[in-house]
Amino acid sequence: MDQRSDAEIVDAVLDGDADAYAILFARYRDAYTRYAIRLLGSRDDAEEALLAAFLRAYRALGQCRDPARFGAWLRRIVMNECRTRATRRGRRERYFVRDAEALDAVLAPDPREDGALREEIQLALDRLDVAHREAFLLKHVEELSYEEMAALTGAGVSALKMRVKRACDRLRELLEEVHRP
């Protein structure tokens, strides 16, 4: 495993070592795949979004103002790519995880979680609109602060708090519907 910092690798890529970009790809792929699958609902869509985001980042690498924060810069590109794809697709259909095995393969399963409950939660998440789902995932799955979320999304902290609250309320309603007799 390469021990160089993101900034050192970005500098190497900018100096002509295109192969060094593979190190950054490997370093961030799993975490961003998890996010993209959760947001988009399928591994295929997530992989397309990630490849497009990594390609965009590679082409714009010279525009990365702080190479030491490459991961945060890339996260924003991944989020934008996923958001764009989700919005386009949302006009045509609702999201349902069709590739639950792929999601399970990316996520480290918690042995305390019940598989059926995890599936119910994912189905409920898929029924949220994109803005609420994104806010919920950033807060409760990616564990970002509201300030970090605001920097990534461009939305205000109070708007993000409201989105997370509404997402939680709606998820609660959806999960209660499943468990009503």
Protein backbone atom coordinates (compact mmCIF):
# COMPACT_ATOMS: atom_id res chain seq x y z
CA MET A 1 0.00 0.00 0.00
CA ASP A 2 1.33 3.42 -0.96
CA GLN A 3 2.00 5.59 2.10
CA ARG A 4 2.22 8.90 0.23
CA SER A 5 -0.23 11.62 1.13
CA ASP A 6 -3.01 12.62 -1.23
CA ALA A 7 -1.14 15.86 -1.97
CA GLU A 8 2.01 13.94 -2.95
CA ILE A 9 0.05 11.64 -5.24
CA VAL A 10 -1.84 14.55 -6.84
CA ASP A 11 1.50 16.26 -7.47
CA ALA A 12 2.85 13.07 -9.05
CA VAL A 13 -0.17 12.82 -11.36
CA LEU A 14 0.13 16.47 -12.33
CA ASP A 15 3.84 15.87 -13.04
CA GLY A 16 2.92 13.21 -15.59
CA ASP A 17 2.65 10.00 -13.54
CA ALA A 18 -0.88 9.08 -14.67
CA ASP A 19 -0.55 5.64 -13.03
CA ALA A 20 -0.43 7.29 -9.59
CA TYR A 21 -4.11 8.19 -10.00
CA ALA A 22 -4.91 4.49 -9.52
CA ILE A 23 -3.70 4.85 -5.92
CA LEU A 24 -6.24 7.59 -5.27
CA PHE A 25 -8.93 5.52 -6.98
CA ALA A 26 -8.18 2.52 -4.76
CA ARG A 27 -8.01 4.72 -1.66
CA TYR A 28 -11.49 6.23 -2.09
CA ARG A 29 -13.42 3.70 -4.20
CA ASP A 30 -15.01 1.63 -1.42
CA ALA A 31 -16.27 4.51 0.72
CA TYR A 32 -17.74 6.36 -2.23
CA THR A 33 -19.20 3.20 -3.72
CA ARG A 34 -21.12 2.64 -0.50
CA TYR A 35 -22.51 6.17 -0.67
CA ALA A 36 -23.39 5.92 -4.38
CA ILE A 37 -25.19 2.59 -4.00
CA ARG A 38 -27.22 3.91 -1.09
CA LEU A 39 -28.19 7.02 -3.01
CA LEU A 40 -28.78 5.48 -6.42
CA GLY A 41 -30.14 2.08 -5.41
CA SER A 42 -28.09 -0.19 -7.66
CA ARG A 43 -24.49 -1.19 -8.05
CA ASP A 44 -24.55 -0.64 -11.83
CA ASP A 45 -25.78 2.95 -11.48
CA ALA A 46 -23.31 3.56 -8.66
CA GLU A 47 -20.38 2.23 -10.68
CA GLU A 48 -21.32 4.39 -13.66
CA ALA A 49 -21.59 7.45 -11.44
CA LEU A 50 -18.28 6.69 -9.73
CA LEU A 51 -16.42 6.14 -12.97
CA ALA A 52 -17.80 9.38 -14.35
CA ALA A 53 -16.85 11.20 -11.13
CA PHE A 54 -13.32 9.78 -11.05
CA LEU A 55 -12.87 10.69 -14.71
CA ARG A 56 -14.15 14.24 -14.08
CA ALA A 57 -11.78 14.53 -11.12
CA TYR A 58 -8.83 13.30 -13.17
CA ARG A 59 -9.52 15.78 -15.95
CA ALA A 60 -9.94 18.64 -13.46
CA LEU A 61 -7.12 17.64 -11.11
CA GLY A 62 -5.25 20.86 -11.82
CA GLN A 63 -8.25 22.75 -10.44
CA CYS A 64 -8.07 21.03 -7.05
CA ARG A 65 -7.13 24.01 -4.86
CA ASP A 66 -5.98 21.98 -1.86
CA PRO A 67 -4.49 18.62 -2.90
CA ALA A 68 -4.15 17.66 0.77
CA ARG A 69 -7.96 17.60 0.85
CA PHE A 70 -8.33 15.62 -2.36
CA GLY A 71 -10.79 13.22 -0.69
CA ALA A 72 -13.20 16.02 0.23
CA TRP A 73 -12.89 17.54 -3.24
CA LEU A 74 -13.56 14.16 -4.84
CA ARG A 75 -16.51 13.53 -2.50
CA ARG A 76 -18.15 16.69 -3.79
CA ILE A 77 -17.70 15.53 -7.39
CA VAL A 78 -19.11 12.09 -6.54
CA MET A 79 -22.08 13.68 -4.76
CA ASN A 80 -22.80 15.96 -7.71
CA GLU A 81 -22.59 13.09 -10.18
CA CYS A 82 -24.89 10.91 -8.05
CA ARG A 83 -27.30 13.77 -7.51
CA THR A 84 -27.47 14.48 -11.24
CA ARG A 85 -28.07 10.83 -12.08
CA ALA A 86 -30.65 10.42 -9.33
CA THR A 87 -32.54 13.52 -10.44
CA ARG A 88 -32.57 12.42 -14.08
CA ARG A 89 -33.64 8.93 -13.16
CA GLY A 90 -36.15 10.16 -10.57
CA ARG A 91 -38.16 11.76 -13.32
CA ARG A 92 -38.66 8.36 -14.88
CA GLU A 93 -39.01 5.99 -11.93
CA ARG A 94 -38.78 5.51 -8.18
CA TYR A 95 -35.75 3.90 -6.67
CA PHE A 96 -35.70 0.40 -5.31
CA VAL A 97 -32.56 -1.52 -4.53
CA ARG A 98 -32.53 -4.17 -7.20
CA ASP A 99 -29.05 -5.38 -6.42
CA ALA A 100 -29.15 -6.07 -2.69
CA GLU A 101 -26.27 -8.56 -2.96
CA ALA A 102 -24.02 -5.86 -4.39
CA LEU A 103 -24.96 -3.51 -1.57
CA ASP A 104 -24.22 -6.20 1.00
CA ALA A 105 -20.86 -6.91 -0.63
CA VAL A 106 -19.82 -3.26 -0.32
CA LEU A 107 -21.16 -2.73 3.17
CA ALA A 108 -19.54 -4.47 6.08
CA PRO A 109 -22.50 -6.27 7.60
CA ASP A 110 -23.18 -5.72 11.26
CA PRO A 111 -23.81 -9.16 12.78
CA ARG A 112 -26.37 -7.61 15.13
CA GLU A 113 -28.49 -6.38 12.22
CA ASP A 114 -31.32 -8.48 10.97
CA GLY A 115 -31.16 -8.91 7.17
CA ALA A 116 -34.89 -8.33 6.75
CA LEU A 117 -34.75 -5.13 8.77
CA ARG A 118 -31.79 -3.88 6.74
CA GLU A 119 -33.76 -4.52 3.56
CA GLU A 120 -36.82 -2.71 4.93
CA ILE A 121 -34.66 0.27 5.86
CA GLN A 122 -33.10 0.38 2.39
CA LEU A 123 -36.50 0.19 0.72
CA ALA A 124 -37.73 3.02 2.94
CA LEU A 125 -34.62 5.07 2.12
CA ASP A 126 -35.27 4.53 -1.56
CA ARG A 127 -38.72 6.08 -1.19
CA LEU A 128 -37.31 9.38 0.10
CA ASP A 129 -36.76 12.17 -2.38
CA VAL A 130 -33.14 12.66 -3.40
CA ALA A 131 -32.44 15.75 -1.27
CA HIS A 132 -33.73 14.12 1.93
CA ARG A 133 -32.01 10.80 1.20
CA GLU A 134 -28.73 12.57 0.50
CA ALA A 135 -28.91 14.61 3.73
CA PHE A 136 -29.81 11.52 5.78
CA LEU A 137 -26.96 9.47 4.30
CA LEU A 138 -24.39 12.21 4.76
CA LYS A 139 -25.42 12.72 8.40
CA HIS A 140 -26.18 9.22 9.62
CA VAL A 141 -24.18 6.93 7.32
CA GLU A 142 -21.17 9.03 6.37
CA GLU A 143 -21.30 10.72 9.82
CA LEU A 144 -20.48 14.22 8.59
CA SER A 145 -21.12 17.33 10.62
CA TYR A 146 -23.71 19.79 9.35
CA GLU A 147 -20.91 22.21 8.52
CA GLU A 148 -19.17 19.56 6.39
CA MET A 149 -22.46 18.72 4.72
CA ALA A 150 -23.06 22.40 3.95
CA ALA A 151 -19.61 22.73 2.41
CA LEU A 152 -20.24 19.69 0.21
CA THR A 153 -23.81 20.37 -0.87
CA GLY A 154 -23.92 24.15 -0.95
CA ALA A 155 -27.08 24.09 1.19
CA GLY A 156 -27.31 26.00 4.45
CA VAL A 157 -26.91 24.28 7.81
CA SER A 158 -30.50 25.02 8.84
CA ALA A 159 -31.83 23.63 5.54
CA LEU A 160 -29.77 20.48 6.01
CA LYS A 161 -31.01 20.04 9.57
CA MET A 162 -34.56 20.31 8.29
CA ARG A 163 -33.88 17.79 5.51
CA VAL A 164 -32.39 15.31 7.97
CA LYS A 165 -35.32 15.79 10.35
CA ARG A 166 -37.86 15.33 7.56
CA ALA A 167 -35.98 12.28 6.28
CA CYS A 168 -36.01 10.73 9.76
CA ASP A 169 -39.71 11.51 10.21
CA ARG A 170 -40.57 10.03 6.82
CA LEU A 171 -38.42 6.95 7.41
CA ARG A 172 -40.16 6.42 10.73
CA GLU A 173 -43.55 6.64 8.99
CA LEU A 174 -42.52 4.25 6.24
CA LEU A 175 -41.11 1.69 8.67
CA GLU A 176 -44.18 1.92 10.90
CA GLU A 177 -46.36 1.21 7.85
CA VAL A 178 -44.46 -2.03 7.31
CA HIS A 179 -44.95 -3.14 10.89
CA ARG A 180 -48.64 -2.24 11.34
CA PRO A 181 -50.91 -5.25 11.76
